[in-house]
């Protein structure tokens, strides 16, 4: 009998059409494409992490609720432990939000922004309503509010990835006041600049704030994210959370980082200083439009094909971010690296522009 097995016919159309997120690895390059902390992880904290590990840290299941980490986060941020949930990176928390509120419902996303909001919404079977940002990448607050009337979730990013600009407190308050659903504000980069919306949490039961250890705290390789929300929201998120979603090593590492977070303050200060140097230098280069940024990256465009500039930089050993998003077809994004890496990027960029021919 002929085997006519075809798994594709069992998969819903929205998932069939989804393009997987697959990052290409380029060995031996200066990596300025993923907004990571460019510095080596502090040796003193690595040793402290090792000292906290016990003989059964790897043989037993992790604490399903990450209680020590949650308590430390509550202490650091001045909120209740009942207002915190941790996850395997912010990605897992975004998916949990989509599964909880977005599945079978409408999700409003201010675009262009972090691509995983749309990907996870499609995985969850949500209907996506994209609200374009304005010409300067500012939020279109009236349109977001209008679209939220029959939506189950609104997603914002501030500072926005990839444009780097932040929402204002007034904008977020206006959206929270007028949206009858959870409003997620992803603040993955808030340590580098922009308003912190955590003080709004107790006033707005529909506010959800996402944070991460991947950027300022250098734990991108261990995948630790967390969110703040009121218990009436969290009670539903816990229904879809995986039982042992954050491994023991990542819990210990994040807890240790929080207890030594002052070590990272000079790194954050230097990254923001280097960001401003990059911005000022690129502004003086002919043919560039560089956006001001509150984050640890800059988005820019030139008069050339973004793909040509990307390829030119890559051929010189510098990897930046090129976008598949049609809304960003003319733009590239560069993460702030260490001082020497930034110098090499600027020199390489000048060489690429000279090769392509200067444009006004």
C-alpha atoms as a PDB file:
ATOM      1  CA  UNK A   1       0.000   0.000   0.000  1.00  0.00           C
ATOM      2  CA  UNK A   2       1.355   3.426  -0.953  1.00  0.00           C
ATOM      3  CA  UNK A   3       2.182   5.637   2.000  1.00  0.00           C
ATOM      4  CA  UNK A   4       0.489   8.960   1.339  1.00  0.00           C
ATOM      5  CA  UNK A   5       1.632  10.569   4.586  1.00  0.00           C
ATOM      6  CA  UNK A   6       1.783  14.345   4.158  1.00  0.00           C
ATOM      7  CA  UNK A   7       2.247  16.244   7.438  1.00  0.00           C
ATOM      8  CA  UNK A   8       1.691  19.553   5.671  1.00  0.00           C
ATOM      9  CA  UNK A   9      -1.997  18.868   5.112  1.00  0.00           C
ATOM     10  CA  UNK A  10      -2.468  18.676   8.882  1.00  0.00           C
ATOM     11  CA  UNK A  11      -0.868  22.064   9.543  1.00  0.00           C
ATOM     12  CA  UNK A  12      -3.018  25.187   9.469  1.00  0.00           C
ATOM     13  CA  UNK A  13      -2.395  27.657   6.653  1.00  0.00           C
ATOM     14  CA  UNK A  14      -0.969  30.394   8.885  1.00  0.00           C
ATOM     15  CA  UNK A  15       1.744  28.062  10.151  1.00  0.00           C
ATOM     16  CA  UNK A  16       2.463  26.638   6.717  1.00  0.00           C
ATOM     17  CA  UNK A  17       3.221  30.137   5.438  1.00  0.00           C
ATOM     18  CA  UNK A  18       5.409  31.103   8.396  1.00  0.00           C
ATOM     19  CA  UNK A  19       9.090  31.539   7.590  1.00  0.00           C
ATOM     20  CA  UNK A  20      11.184  30.017  10.419  1.00  0.00           C
ATOM     21  CA  UNK A  21      13.541  32.299  12.331  1.00  0.00           C
ATOM     22  CA  UNK A  22      16.921  30.827  11.479  1.00  0.00           C
ATOM     23  CA  UNK A  23      20.030  32.806  12.299  1.00  0.00           C
ATOM     24  CA  UNK A  24      23.036  32.290  10.019  1.00  0.00           C
ATOM     25  CA  UNK A  25      26.380  31.883  11.787  1.00  0.00           C
ATOM     26  CA  UNK A  26      29.373  33.722  10.346  1.00  0.00           C
ATOM     27  CA  UNK A  27      32.569  32.508  12.050  1.00  0.00           C
ATOM     28  CA  UNK A  28      35.528  34.812  12.510  1.00  0.00           C
ATOM     29  CA  UNK A  29      33.700  38.137  12.198  1.00  0.00           C
ATOM     30  CA  UNK A  30      33.193  41.127  14.474  1.00  0.00           C
ATOM     31  CA  UNK A  31      29.636  40.420  15.601  1.00  0.00           C
ATOM     32  CA  UNK A  32      27.619  43.619  15.726  1.00  0.00           C
ATOM     33  CA  UNK A  33      24.248  42.239  14.657  1.00  0.00           C
ATOM     34  CA  UNK A  34      22.464  40.923  17.764  1.00  0.00           C
ATOM     35  CA  UNK A  35      22.554  43.757  20.349  1.00  0.00           C
ATOM     36  CA  UNK A  36      24.560  41.684  22.812  1.00  0.00           C
ATOM     37  CA  UNK A  37      26.780  42.972  25.593  1.00  0.00           C
ATOM     38  CA  UNK A  38      30.164  43.037  23.795  1.00  0.00           C
ATOM     39  CA  UNK A  39      32.335  42.560  26.876  1.00  0.00           C
ATOM     40  CA  UNK A  40      33.627  39.326  28.356  1.00  0.00           C
ATOM     41  CA  UNK A  41      31.553  38.056  31.241  1.00  0.00           C
ATOM     42  CA  UNK A  42      33.106  39.237  34.546  1.00  0.00           C
ATOM     43  CA  UNK A  43      35.363  36.556  36.002  1.00  0.00           C
ATOM     44  CA  UNK A  44      34.406  37.358  39.586  1.00  0.00           C
ATOM     45  CA  UNK A  45      30.740  36.715  38.833  1.00  0.00           C
ATOM     46  CA  UNK A  46      31.502  33.505  36.931  1.00  0.00           C
ATOM     47  CA  UNK A  47      33.375  32.212  39.978  1.00  0.00           C
ATOM     48  CA  UNK A  48      30.509  33.259  42.260  1.00  0.00           C
ATOM     49  CA  UNK A  49      28.071  31.327  40.049  1.00  0.00           C
ATOM     50  CA  UNK A  50      30.225  28.205  40.304  1.00  0.00           C
ATOM     51  CA  UNK A  51      30.332  28.512  44.085  1.00  0.00           C
ATOM     52  CA  UNK A  52      26.521  28.581  44.253  1.00  0.00           C
ATOM     53  CA  UNK A  53      26.136  25.334  42.329  1.00  0.00           C
ATOM     54  CA  UNK A  54      25.655  22.232  44.461  1.00  0.00           C
ATOM     55  CA  UNK A  55      26.320  18.515  43.872  1.00  0.00           C
ATOM     56  CA  UNK A  56      22.728  17.979  42.740  1.00  0.00           C
ATOM     57  CA  UNK A  57      22.257  21.169  40.718  1.00  0.00           C
ATOM     58  CA  UNK A  58      22.344  19.179  37.492  1.00  0.00           C
ATOM     59  CA  UNK A  59      20.694  15.949  38.632  1.00  0.00           C
ATOM     60  CA  UNK A  60      17.482  17.398  40.056  1.00  0.00           C
ATOM     61  CA  UNK A  61      14.749  19.348  38.291  1.00  0.00           C
ATOM     62  CA  UNK A  62      14.975  23.111  38.728  1.00  0.00           C
ATOM     63  CA  UNK A  63      12.701  25.102  40.982  1.00  0.00           C
ATOM     64  CA  UNK A  64       9.600  25.346  38.786  1.00  0.00           C
ATOM     65  CA  UNK A  65       8.758  28.820  40.084  1.00  0.00           C
ATOM     66  CA  UNK A  66      12.365  30.100  40.357  1.00  0.00           C
ATOM     67  CA  UNK A  67      11.501  31.393  43.815  1.00  0.00           C
ATOM     68  CA  UNK A  68      14.911  32.738  44.818  1.00  0.00           C
ATOM     69  CA  UNK A  69      15.324  34.588  41.534  1.00  0.00           C
ATOM     70  CA  UNK A  70      11.806  35.992  41.725  1.00  0.00           C
ATOM     71  CA  UNK A  71      12.369  37.194  45.294  1.00  0.00           C
ATOM     72  CA  UNK A  72      15.617  38.897  44.274  1.00  0.00           C
ATOM     73  CA  UNK A  73      13.930  40.557  41.291  1.00  0.00           C
ATOM     74  CA  UNK A  74      11.153  41.778  43.570  1.00  0.00           C
ATOM     75  CA  UNK A  75      13.724  43.222  45.980  1.00  0.00           C
ATOM     76  CA  UNK A  76      15.724  44.898  43.197  1.00  0.00           C
ATOM     77  CA  UNK A  77      12.720  46.469  41.486  1.00  0.00           C
ATOM     78  CA  UNK A  78      10.572  47.266  44.497  1.00  0.00           C
ATOM     79  CA  UNK A  79       7.580  45.178  43.448  1.00  0.00           C
ATOM     80  CA  UNK A  80       5.783  42.166  44.878  1.00  0.00           C
ATOM     81  CA  UNK A  81       7.005  38.676  44.022  1.00  0.00           C
ATOM     82  CA  UNK A  82       3.387  37.958  43.023  1.00  0.00           C
ATOM     83  CA  UNK A  83       3.864  40.412  40.134  1.00  0.00           C
ATOM     84  CA  UNK A  84       6.775  38.554  38.487  1.00  0.00           C
ATOM     85  CA  UNK A  85       7.146  35.616  36.121  1.00  0.00           C
ATOM     86  CA  UNK A  86      10.440  34.370  34.683  1.00  0.00           C
ATOM     87  CA  UNK A  87      11.027  32.534  31.446  1.00  0.00           C
ATOM     88  CA  UNK A  88      13.510  30.914  29.104  1.00  0.00           C
ATOM     89  CA  UNK A  89      14.362  34.259  27.559  1.00  0.00           C
ATOM     90  CA  UNK A  90      11.790  36.899  26.693  1.00  0.00           C
ATOM     91  CA  UNK A  91      10.906  34.763  23.681  1.00  0.00           C
ATOM     92  CA  UNK A  92       9.192  32.173  25.852  1.00  0.00           C
ATOM     93  CA  UNK A  93       7.272  34.852  27.706  1.00  0.00           C
ATOM     94  CA  UNK A  94       6.143  36.432  24.431  1.00  0.00           C
ATOM     95  CA  UNK A  95       4.898  33.038  23.250  1.00  0.00           C
ATOM     96  CA  UNK A  96       3.108  32.477  26.577  1.00  0.00           C
ATOM     97  CA  UNK A  97       1.364  35.840  26.185  1.00  0.00           C
ATOM     98  CA  UNK A  98       0.305  34.966  22.651  1.00  0.00           C
ATOM     99  CA  UNK A  99      -0.943  31.522  23.664  1.00  0.00           C
ATOM    100  CA  UNK A 100      -2.845  32.938  26.633  1.00  0.00           C
ATOM    101  CA  UNK A 101      -4.451  36.012  25.098  1.00  0.00           C
ATOM    102  CA  UNK A 102      -3.734  35.950  21.368  1.00  0.00           C
ATOM    103  CA  UNK A 103      -4.833  32.460  20.312  1.00  0.00           C
ATOM    104  CA  UNK A 104      -7.935  32.842  18.160  1.00  0.00           C
ATOM    105  CA  UNK A 105      -8.010  36.590  18.882  1.00  0.00           C
ATOM    106  CA  UNK A 106      -6.653  39.799  17.391  1.00  0.00           C
ATOM    107  CA  UNK A 107      -3.210  41.062  18.425  1.00  0.00           C
ATOM    108  CA  UNK A 108      -2.192  44.649  17.726  1.00  0.00           C
ATOM    109  CA  UNK A 109       1.519  45.199  17.038  1.00  0.00           C
ATOM    110  CA  UNK A 110       3.189  48.568  16.379  1.00  0.00           C
ATOM    111  CA  UNK A 111       5.549  47.962  13.439  1.00  0.00           C
ATOM    112  CA  UNK A 112       8.327  47.848  12.396  1.00  0.00           C
ATOM    113  CA  UNK A 113       9.569  46.176  15.546  1.00  0.00           C
ATOM    114  CA  UNK A 114      11.021  42.958  16.969  1.00  0.00           C
ATOM    115  CA  UNK A 115      10.046  40.176  14.560  1.00  0.00           C
ATOM    116  CA  UNK A 116       9.328  37.572  17.246  1.00  0.00           C
ATOM    117  CA  UNK A 117       6.065  39.269  18.247  1.00  0.00           C
ATOM    118  CA  UNK A 118       4.590  38.474  14.852  1.00  0.00           C
ATOM    119  CA  UNK A 119       6.179  35.021  14.655  1.00  0.00           C
ATOM    120  CA  UNK A 120       4.872  33.935  18.042  1.00  0.00           C
ATOM    121  CA  UNK A 121       1.453  35.426  17.285  1.00  0.00           C
ATOM    122  CA  UNK A 122       1.246  33.276  14.156  1.00  0.00           C
ATOM    123  CA  UNK A 123       2.414  30.199  16.044  1.00  0.00           C
ATOM    124  CA  UNK A 124      -0.388  30.815  18.545  1.00  0.00           C
ATOM    125  CA  UNK A 125      -2.966  31.190  15.782  1.00  0.00           C
ATOM    126  CA  UNK A 126      -3.674  34.871  16.428  1.00  0.00           C
ATOM    127  CA  UNK A 127      -4.923  37.383  13.889  1.00  0.00           C
ATOM    128  CA  UNK A 128      -2.273  40.094  13.608  1.00  0.00           C
ATOM    129  CA  UNK A 129      -3.185  43.749  13.183  1.00  0.00           C
ATOM    130  CA  UNK A 130      -0.094  45.771  12.311  1.00  0.00           C
ATOM    131  CA  UNK A 131      -0.188  49.482  13.084  1.00  0.00           C
ATOM    132  CA  UNK A 132       2.614  51.278  11.189  1.00  0.00           C
ATOM    133  CA  UNK A 133       4.723  53.662  13.173  1.00  0.00           C
ATOM    134  CA  UNK A 134       4.917  57.216  11.876  1.00  0.00           C
ATOM    135  CA  UNK A 135       7.654  58.475   9.540  1.00  0.00           C
ATOM    136  CA  UNK A 136      10.003  59.084  12.493  1.00  0.00           C
ATOM    137  CA  UNK A 137       9.128  55.662  14.013  1.00  0.00           C
ATOM    138  CA  UNK A 138       6.971  57.286  16.688  1.00  0.00           C
ATOM    139  CA  UNK A 139       3.903  55.398  17.882  1.00  0.00           C
ATOM    140  CA  UNK A 140       0.611  56.198  16.175  1.00  0.00           C
ATOM    141  CA  UNK A 141      -1.328  56.268  19.429  1.00  0.00           C
ATOM    142  CA  UNK A 142      -4.803  57.051  17.994  1.00  0.00           C
ATOM    143  CA  UNK A 143      -4.555  54.156  15.524  1.00  0.00           C
ATOM    144  CA  UNK A 144      -3.329  51.746  18.197  1.00  0.00           C
ATOM    145  CA  UNK A 145      -6.242  52.698  20.434  1.00  0.00           C
ATOM    146  CA  UNK A 146      -8.714  52.399  17.567  1.00  0.00           C
ATOM    147  CA  UNK A 147      -7.447  48.940  16.617  1.00  0.00           C
ATOM    148  CA  UNK A 148      -7.460  47.709  20.218  1.00  0.00           C
ATOM    149  CA  UNK A 149     -11.230  47.906  20.593  1.00  0.00           C
ATOM    150  CA  UNK A 150     -11.766  44.266  19.656  1.00  0.00           C
ATOM    151  CA  UNK A 151      -8.208  43.035  20.307  1.00  0.00           C
ATOM    152  CA  UNK A 152      -6.986  40.731  23.072  1.00  0.00           C
ATOM    153  CA  UNK A 153      -3.412  42.044  23.239  1.00  0.00           C
ATOM    154  CA  UNK A 154      -1.409  45.137  22.280  1.00  0.00           C
ATOM    155  CA  UNK A 155       2.367  44.859  21.915  1.00  0.00           C
ATOM    156  CA  UNK A 156       4.806  47.783  22.049  1.00  0.00           C
ATOM    157  CA  UNK A 157       8.598  47.907  22.320  1.00  0.00           C
ATOM    158  CA  UNK A 158      10.409  50.729  24.099  1.00  0.00           C
ATOM    159  CA  UNK A 159      13.192  51.423  23.322  1.00  0.00           C
ATOM    160  CA  UNK A 160      11.989  50.020  20.037  1.00  0.00           C
ATOM    161  CA  UNK A 161      13.978  47.327  18.302  1.00  0.00           C
ATOM    162  CA  UNK A 162      15.322  48.134  15.741  1.00  0.00           C
ATOM    163  CA  UNK A 163      14.759  51.903  15.549  1.00  0.00           C
ATOM    164  CA  UNK A 164      16.052  52.664  19.064  1.00  0.00           C
ATOM    165  CA  UNK A 165      13.507  55.357  19.942  1.00  0.00           C
ATOM    166  CA  UNK A 166      11.404  55.248  23.099  1.00  0.00           C
ATOM    167  CA  UNK A 167       7.750  55.810  23.780  1.00  0.00           C
ATOM    168  CA  UNK A 168       6.885  58.592  26.182  1.00  0.00           C
ATOM    169  CA  UNK A 169       5.111  58.074  29.476  1.00  0.00           C
ATOM    170  CA  UNK A 170       2.181  60.071  28.097  1.00  0.00           C
ATOM    171  CA  UNK A 171       1.894  57.836  25.028  1.00  0.00           C
ATOM    172  CA  UNK A 172       1.906  54.638  27.054  1.00  0.00           C
ATOM    173  CA  UNK A 173      -0.567  56.024  29.570  1.00  0.00           C
ATOM    174  CA  UNK A 174      -2.914  57.045  26.773  1.00  0.00           C
ATOM    175  CA  UNK A 175      -2.801  53.542  25.308  1.00  0.00           C
ATOM    176  CA  UNK A 176      -3.298  51.920  28.727  1.00  0.00           C
ATOM    177  CA  UNK A 177      -6.216  54.231  29.527  1.00  0.00           C
ATOM    178  CA  UNK A 178      -8.011  53.438  26.289  1.00  0.00           C
ATOM    179  CA  UNK A 179      -7.201  49.784  25.543  1.00  0.00           C
ATOM    180  CA  UNK A 180      -9.500  47.196  27.186  1.00  0.00           C
ATOM    181  CA  UNK A 181      -6.887  44.437  26.987  1.00  0.00           C
ATOM    182  CA  UNK A 182      -3.362  43.661  28.206  1.00  0.00           C
ATOM    183  CA  UNK A 183      -0.774  46.085  26.849  1.00  0.00           C
ATOM    184  CA  UNK A 184       2.703  44.554  26.649  1.00  0.00           C
ATOM    185  CA  UNK A 185       5.661  46.944  26.723  1.00  0.00           C
ATOM    186  CA  UNK A 186       8.922  45.170  25.941  1.00  0.00           C
ATOM    187  CA  UNK A 187      11.704  47.017  27.779  1.00  0.00           C
ATOM    188  CA  UNK A 188      14.615  44.732  26.916  1.00  0.00           C
ATOM    189  CA  UNK A 189      16.921  47.734  26.432  1.00  0.00           C
ATOM    190  CA  UNK A 190      15.718  50.105  29.146  1.00  0.00           C
ATOM    191  CA  UNK A 191      19.022  49.904  31.050  1.00  0.00           C
ATOM    192  CA  UNK A 192      20.581  51.912  28.192  1.00  0.00           C
ATOM    193  CA  UNK A 193      18.007  54.711  28.111  1.00  0.00           C
ATOM    194  CA  UNK A 194      14.409  55.820  27.759  1.00  0.00           C
ATOM    195  CA  UNK A 195      11.586  55.964  30.317  1.00  0.00           C
ATOM    196  CA  UNK A 196      11.101  53.048  32.700  1.00  0.00           C
ATOM    197  CA  UNK A 197       7.393  52.212  32.798  1.00  0.00           C
ATOM    198  CA  UNK A 198       7.531  50.039  35.910  1.00  0.00           C
ATOM    199  CA  UNK A 199       6.191  52.874  38.128  1.00  0.00           C
ATOM    200  CA  UNK A 200       2.930  52.595  36.149  1.00  0.00           C
ATOM    201  CA  UNK A 201       2.397  48.946  37.083  1.00  0.00           C
ATOM    202  CA  UNK A 202       0.292  49.454  40.212  1.00  0.00           C
ATOM    203  CA  UNK A 203      -1.913  52.026  38.473  1.00  0.00           C
ATOM    204  CA  UNK A 204      -2.711  49.974  35.388  1.00  0.00           C
ATOM    205  CA  UNK A 205      -3.961  46.387  35.782  1.00  0.00           C
ATOM    206  CA  UNK A 206      -3.627  45.851  32.009  1.00  0.00           C
ATOM    207  CA  UNK A 207       0.105  46.703  31.878  1.00  0.00           C
ATOM    208  CA  UNK A 208       2.647  43.934  31.222  1.00  0.00           C
ATOM    209  CA  UNK A 209       6.368  44.786  31.122  1.00  0.00           C
ATOM    210  CA  UNK A 210       9.002  42.503  29.612  1.00  0.00           C
ATOM    211  CA  UNK A 211      12.665  42.561  30.675  1.00  0.00           C
ATOM    212  CA  UNK A 212      15.726  40.430  29.967  1.00  0.00           C
ATOM    213  CA  UNK A 213      19.167  39.514  31.288  1.00  0.00           C
ATOM    214  CA  UNK A 214      20.474  39.122  27.714  1.00  0.00           C
ATOM    215  CA  UNK A 215      21.481  42.709  26.981  1.00  0.00           C
ATOM    216  CA  UNK A 216      22.870  44.822  29.812  1.00  0.00           C
ATOM    217  CA  UNK A 217      23.695  41.809  31.996  1.00  0.00           C
ATOM    218  CA  UNK A 218      25.496  39.676  29.431  1.00  0.00           C
ATOM    219  CA  UNK A 219      23.479  36.467  29.809  1.00  0.00           C
ATOM    220  CA  UNK A 220      22.278  36.106  26.213  1.00  0.00           C
ATOM    221  CA  UNK A 221      23.712  32.583  26.082  1.00  0.00           C
ATOM    222  CA  UNK A 222      21.683  31.436  29.116  1.00  0.00           C
ATOM    223  CA  UNK A 223      18.249  32.752  28.065  1.00  0.00           C
ATOM    224  CA  UNK A 224      16.682  34.459  31.077  1.00  0.00           C
ATOM    225  CA  UNK A 225      13.740  36.803  30.704  1.00  0.00           C
ATOM    226  CA  UNK A 226      11.121  38.072  33.125  1.00  0.00           C
ATOM    227  CA  UNK A 227       7.935  40.066  33.136  1.00  0.00           C
ATOM    228  CA  UNK A 228       5.963  42.242  35.514  1.00  0.00           C
ATOM    229  CA  UNK A 229       2.173  42.092  35.606  1.00  0.00           C
ATOM    230  CA  UNK A 230      -0.693  42.108  38.049  1.00  0.00           C
ATOM    231  CA  UNK A 231      -1.707  38.766  39.565  1.00  0.00           C
ATOM    232  CA  UNK A 232      -4.988  38.779  37.642  1.00  0.00           C
ATOM    233  CA  UNK A 233      -2.952  38.569  34.427  1.00  0.00           C
ATOM    234  CA  UNK A 234      -0.308  36.183  35.773  1.00  0.00           C
ATOM    235  CA  UNK A 235      -2.880  33.632  36.918  1.00  0.00           C
ATOM    236  CA  UNK A 236      -3.636  32.914  33.248  1.00  0.00           C
ATOM    237  CA  UNK A 237      -0.030  33.030  32.059  1.00  0.00           C
ATOM    238  CA  UNK A 238       0.891  30.347  34.601  1.00  0.00           C
ATOM    239  CA  UNK A 239      -1.640  28.058  32.959  1.00  0.00           C
ATOM    240  CA  UNK A 240       0.476  27.881  29.775  1.00  0.00           C
ATOM    241  CA  UNK A 241       3.955  28.151  31.342  1.00  0.00           C
ATOM    242  CA  UNK A 242       6.073  25.031  30.987  1.00  0.00           C
ATOM    243  CA  UNK A 243       6.579  23.386  34.428  1.00  0.00           C
ATOM    244  CA  UNK A 244      10.402  23.576  34.545  1.00  0.00           C
ATOM    245  CA  UNK A 245      10.944  26.323  32.000  1.00  0.00           C
ATOM    246  CA  UNK A 246      14.111  27.912  33.427  1.00  0.00           C
ATOM    247  CA  UNK A 247      17.018  25.566  34.114  1.00  0.00           C
ATOM    248  CA  UNK A 248      18.923  25.580  37.387  1.00  0.00           C
ATOM    249  CA  UNK A 249      22.155  26.962  35.958  1.00  0.00           C
ATOM    250  CA  UNK A 250      20.367  29.944  34.388  1.00  0.00           C
ATOM    251  CA  UNK A 251      18.481  30.607  37.628  1.00  0.00           C
ATOM    252  CA  UNK A 252      21.719  30.589  39.630  1.00  0.00           C
ATOM    253  CA  UNK A 253      23.509  32.777  37.083  1.00  0.00           C
ATOM    254  CA  UNK A 254      20.723  35.369  36.968  1.00  0.00           C
ATOM    255  CA  UNK A 255      20.466  35.436  40.762  1.00  0.00           C
ATOM    256  CA  UNK A 256      24.221  35.975  41.064  1.00  0.00           C
ATOM    257  CA  UNK A 257      24.174  38.718  38.432  1.00  0.00           C
ATOM    258  CA  UNK A 258      21.465  40.574  40.332  1.00  0.00           C
ATOM    259  CA  UNK A 259      23.508  40.395  43.527  1.00  0.00           C
ATOM    260  CA  UNK A 260      26.528  41.801  41.669  1.00  0.00           C
ATOM    261  CA  UNK A 261      24.707  44.110  39.275  1.00  0.00           C
ATOM    262  CA  UNK A 262      26.905  47.056  40.227  1.00  0.00           C
ATOM    263  CA  UNK A 263      29.714  45.325  38.290  1.00  0.00           C
ATOM    264  CA  UNK A 264      27.750  45.859  35.071  1.00  0.00           C
ATOM    265  CA  UNK A 265      27.092  49.571  35.617  1.00  0.00           C
ATOM    266  CA  UNK A 266      30.467  50.683  34.134  1.00  0.00           C
ATOM    267  CA  UNK A 267      29.862  48.438  31.108  1.00  0.00           C
ATOM    268  CA  UNK A 268      26.437  49.976  30.488  1.00  0.00           C
ATOM    269  CA  UNK A 269      27.882  53.476  30.876  1.00  0.00           C
ATOM    270  CA  UNK A 270      30.666  52.717  28.396  1.00  0.00           C
ATOM    271  CA  UNK A 271      28.249  51.167  25.890  1.00  0.00           C
ATOM    272  CA  UNK A 272      26.046  54.265  25.960  1.00  0.00           C
ATOM    273  CA  UNK A 273      29.135  56.492  25.621  1.00  0.00           C
ATOM    274  CA  UNK A 274      30.348  54.480  22.632  1.00  0.00           C
ATOM    275  CA  UNK A 275      26.855  54.606  21.131  1.00  0.00           C
ATOM    276  CA  UNK A 276      26.929  58.390  21.210  1.00  0.00           C
ATOM    277  CA  UNK A 277      30.392  58.453  19.626  1.00  0.00           C
ATOM    278  CA  UNK A 278      29.171  56.154  16.834  1.00  0.00           C
ATOM    279  CA  UNK A 279      26.087  58.298  16.300  1.00  0.00           C
ATOM    280  CA  UNK A 280      28.026  61.570  16.115  1.00  0.00           C
ATOM    281  CA  UNK A 281      30.655  60.094  13.795  1.00  0.00           C
ATOM    282  CA  UNK A 282      28.134  58.520  11.426  1.00  0.00           C
ATOM    283  CA  UNK A 283      26.109  61.722  11.298  1.00  0.00           C
ATOM    284  CA  UNK A 284      29.140  63.471   9.809  1.00  0.00           C
ATOM    285  CA  UNK A 285      29.569  60.856   7.080  1.00  0.00           C
ATOM    286  CA  UNK A 286      27.962  61.925   3.786  1.00  0.00           C
ATOM    287  CA  UNK A 287      24.844  60.145   2.633  1.00  0.00           C
ATOM    288  CA  UNK A 288      23.805  58.666   5.980  1.00  0.00           C
ATOM    289  CA  UNK A 289      20.569  58.948   7.922  1.00  0.00           C
ATOM    290  CA  UNK A 290      21.272  57.756  11.475  1.00  0.00           C
ATOM    291  CA  UNK A 291      18.466  57.543  14.006  1.00  0.00           C
ATOM    292  CA  UNK A 292      19.008  58.695  17.598  1.00  0.00           C
ATOM    293  CA  UNK A 293      18.861  55.725  19.967  1.00  0.00           C
ATOM    294  CA  UNK A 294      18.122  55.007  23.613  1.00  0.00           C
ATOM    295  CA  UNK A 295      19.383  51.435  23.205  1.00  0.00           C
ATOM    296  CA  UNK A 296      22.730  49.707  22.563  1.00  0.00           C
ATOM    297  CA  UNK A 297      22.441  49.893  18.776  1.00  0.00           C
ATOM    298  CA  UNK A 298      21.895  52.355  15.950  1.00  0.00           C
ATOM    299  CA  UNK A 299      19.690  52.003  12.897  1.00  0.00           C
ATOM    300  CA  UNK A 300      20.806  53.790   9.768  1.00  0.00           C
ATOM    301  CA  UNK A 301      20.265  54.013   6.040  1.00  0.00           C
ATOM    302  CA  UNK A 302      22.359  55.164   3.127  1.00  0.00           C
ATOM    303  CA  UNK A 303      21.688  56.044  -0.475  1.00  0.00           C
ATOM    304  CA  UNK A 304      22.898  52.591  -1.418  1.00  0.00           C
ATOM    305  CA  UNK A 305      21.308  49.184  -1.371  1.00  0.00           C
ATOM    306  CA  UNK A 306      21.269  47.908   2.204  1.00  0.00           C
ATOM    307  CA  UNK A 307      22.280  44.497   0.866  1.00  0.00           C
ATOM    308  CA  UNK A 308      25.327  45.983  -0.883  1.00  0.00           C
ATOM    309  CA  UNK A 309      26.471  47.775   2.267  1.00  0.00           C
ATOM    310  CA  UNK A 310      25.841  44.636   4.349  1.00  0.00           C
ATOM    311  CA  UNK A 311      27.848  42.474   1.934  1.00  0.00           C
ATOM    312  CA  UNK A 312      30.639  45.039   1.798  1.00  0.00           C
ATOM    313  CA  UNK A 313      30.948  45.104   5.570  1.00  0.00           C
ATOM    314  CA  UNK A 314      30.759  41.319   5.827  1.00  0.00           C
ATOM    315  CA  UNK A 315      33.557  40.944   3.278  1.00  0.00           C
ATOM    316  CA  UNK A 316      35.660  43.053   5.651  1.00  0.00           C
ATOM    317  CA  UNK A 317      34.813  40.867   8.636  1.00  0.00           C
ATOM    318  CA  UNK A 318      32.083  43.044  10.173  1.00  0.00           C
ATOM    319  CA  UNK A 319      28.600  41.613  10.700  1.00  0.00           C
ATOM    320  CA  UNK A 320      25.653  44.005  11.117  1.00  0.00           C
ATOM    321  CA  UNK A 321      21.909  43.389  10.890  1.00  0.00           C
ATOM    322  CA  UNK A 322      20.161  43.388   7.532  1.00  0.00           C
ATOM    323  CA  UNK A 323      16.380  43.121   7.653  1.00  0.00           C
ATOM    324  CA  UNK A 324      13.950  40.941   5.771  1.00  0.00           C
ATOM    325  CA  UNK A 325      11.138  43.330   6.738  1.00  0.00           C
ATOM    326  CA  UNK A 326       9.909  45.324   3.689  1.00  0.00           C
ATOM    327  CA  UNK A 327       9.342  48.313   5.985  1.00  0.00           C
ATOM    328  CA  UNK A 328      13.106  48.386   6.670  1.00  0.00           C
ATOM    329  CA  UNK A 329      14.454  47.516   3.238  1.00  0.00           C
ATOM    330  CA  UNK A 330      16.740  50.577   3.164  1.00  0.00           C
ATOM    331  CA  UNK A 331      17.996  50.231   6.728  1.00  0.00           C
ATOM    332  CA  UNK A 332      20.767  48.420   8.580  1.00  0.00           C
ATOM    333  CA  UNK A 333      21.344  48.149  12.329  1.00  0.00           C
ATOM    334  CA  UNK A 334      24.681  48.060  14.109  1.00  0.00           C
ATOM    335  CA  UNK A 335      25.137  46.997  17.728  1.00  0.00           C
ATOM    336  CA  UNK A 336      27.578  48.936  19.873  1.00  0.00           C
ATOM    337  CA  UNK A 337      30.765  46.931  20.294  1.00  0.00           C
ATOM    338  CA  UNK A 338      33.959  47.433  22.210  1.00  0.00           C
ATOM    339  CA  UNK A 339      35.954  50.533  21.288  1.00  0.00           C
ATOM    340  CA  UNK A 340      38.254  48.789  18.798  1.00  0.00           C
ATOM    341  CA  UNK A 341      35.328  46.969  17.195  1.00  0.00           C
ATOM    342  CA  UNK A 342      33.517  50.262  16.682  1.00  0.00           C
ATOM    343  CA  UNK A 343      36.620  51.793  15.112  1.00  0.00           C
ATOM    344  CA  UNK A 344      36.909  48.857  12.704  1.00  0.00           C
ATOM    345  CA  UNK A 345      33.210  49.148  11.830  1.00  0.00           C
ATOM    346  CA  UNK A 346      33.512  52.860  11.041  1.00  0.00           C
ATOM    347  CA  UNK A 347      36.665  52.346   8.985  1.00  0.00           C
ATOM    348  CA  UNK A 348      35.074  49.450   7.102  1.00  0.00           C
ATOM    349  CA  UNK A 349      31.908  51.450   6.487  1.00  0.00           C
ATOM    350  CA  UNK A 350      33.928  54.314   5.015  1.00  0.00           C
ATOM    351  CA  UNK A 351      35.731  51.845   2.766  1.00  0.00           C
ATOM    352  CA  UNK A 352      32.464  50.327   1.571  1.00  0.00           C
ATOM    353  CA  UNK A 353      31.001  53.744   0.797  1.00  0.00           C
ATOM    354  CA  UNK A 354      34.156  54.745  -1.082  1.00  0.00           C
ATOM    355  CA  UNK A 355      33.915  51.535  -3.082  1.00  0.00           C
ATOM    356  CA  UNK A 356      30.259  52.121  -3.934  1.00  0.00           C
ATOM    357  CA  UNK A 357      30.796  55.796  -4.686  1.00  0.00           C
ATOM    358  CA  UNK A 358      29.708  58.706  -2.505  1.00  0.00           C
ATOM    359  CA  UNK A 359      26.092  59.858  -2.651  1.00  0.00           C
ATOM    360  CA  UNK A 360      24.494  62.922  -1.135  1.00  0.00           C
END
